[in-house]
Protein backbone atom coordinates (compact mmCIF):
# COMPACT_ATOMS: atom_id res chain seq x y z
CA UNK A 1 -46.07 12.53 87.86
CA UNK A 2 -43.21 14.93 88.56
CA UNK A 3 -41.70 14.91 92.01
CA UNK A 4 -42.16 18.15 93.97
CA UNK A 5 -38.98 20.22 94.28
CA UNK A 6 -36.91 19.95 97.45
CA UNK A 7 -37.61 22.95 99.70
CA UNK A 8 -34.93 24.11 102.16
CA UNK A 9 -35.37 27.02 104.57
CA UNK A 10 -32.52 28.81 106.34
CA UNK A 11 -33.89 30.72 109.31
CA UNK A 12 -33.49 31.83 112.92
CA UNK A 13 -35.94 31.50 115.78
CA UNK A 14 -36.14 35.26 116.36
CA UNK A 15 -36.92 36.20 112.75
CA UNK A 16 -40.57 37.24 112.24
CA UNK A 17 -40.32 36.85 108.44
CA UNK A 18 -39.02 33.31 108.93
CA UNK A 19 -42.06 32.46 111.07
CA UNK A 20 -44.41 33.97 108.48
CA UNK A 21 -42.76 31.98 105.70
CA UNK A 22 -42.94 28.73 107.70
CA UNK A 23 -46.64 29.33 108.36
CA UNK A 24 -47.24 30.08 104.66
CA UNK A 25 -45.55 26.81 103.65
CA UNK A 26 -47.36 24.78 106.32
CA UNK A 27 -50.77 26.21 105.40
CA UNK A 28 -50.22 24.95 101.86
CA UNK A 29 -49.16 21.51 103.04
CA UNK A 30 -45.68 21.92 101.58
CA UNK A 31 -42.94 19.81 103.09
CA UNK A 32 -39.66 21.57 103.77
CA UNK A 33 -36.43 21.12 105.66
CA UNK A 34 -35.52 23.93 108.03
CA UNK A 35 -32.06 24.86 109.25
CA UNK A 36 -31.57 27.34 112.11
CA UNK A 37 -28.34 29.13 111.26
CA UNK A 38 -27.86 30.32 114.87
CA UNK A 39 -27.96 26.88 116.48
CA UNK A 40 -26.59 24.71 113.66
CA UNK A 41 -22.97 25.36 112.68
CA UNK A 42 -23.18 23.30 109.48
CA UNK A 43 -26.31 25.20 108.44
CA UNK A 44 -24.52 28.49 109.08
CA UNK A 45 -21.60 27.39 106.88
CA UNK A 46 -24.01 26.37 104.10
CA UNK A 47 -25.79 29.73 104.48
CA UNK A 48 -22.43 31.52 104.14
CA UNK A 49 -21.54 29.50 101.03
CA UNK A 50 -24.76 30.78 99.45
CA UNK A 51 -23.49 34.32 99.97
CA UNK A 52 -26.66 35.13 101.88
CA UNK A 53 -26.76 38.15 104.16
CA UNK A 54 -30.06 37.74 105.99
CA UNK A 55 -32.81 35.23 106.68
CA UNK A 56 -35.08 33.78 105.56
CA UNK A 57 -33.45 32.15 102.55
CA UNK A 58 -35.59 29.59 100.77
CA UNK A 59 -34.28 27.15 98.19
CA UNK A 60 -36.92 25.55 95.99
CA UNK A 61 -35.05 23.09 93.83
CA UNK A 62 -32.48 25.31 92.11
CA UNK A 63 -34.44 28.54 92.72
CA UNK A 64 -33.46 30.82 95.60
CA UNK A 65 -35.73 33.33 97.29
CA UNK A 66 -34.32 35.79 99.83
CA UNK A 67 -36.88 37.13 102.26
CA UNK A 68 -40.59 36.39 102.35
CA UNK A 69 -41.69 37.28 98.82
CA UNK A 70 -45.32 36.11 98.65
CA UNK A 71 -45.80 36.89 94.96
CA UNK A 72 -42.70 35.00 93.87
CA UNK A 73 -43.57 32.08 96.17
CA UNK A 74 -47.08 31.96 94.73
CA UNK A 75 -45.71 31.80 91.17
CA UNK A 76 -43.13 29.18 92.08
CA UNK A 77 -45.16 26.96 94.39
CA UNK A 78 -48.76 27.80 93.57
């Protein structure tokens, strides 16, 4: 059986789309690692290296999703 892809979320506490995305992932029982780019300097540097401009940024394996794109998430994660 294939291992599920690693899921990484870059977010901030104040971001409503980040909260919606976290809830969406949790409701589906998907495990993910979250990094708050406002309180974690290393996470902020990683976020910058991605060339991202806003949160949320979700990495699913090698796939990147900027924002809370339900349709793309559904296709990618089921």
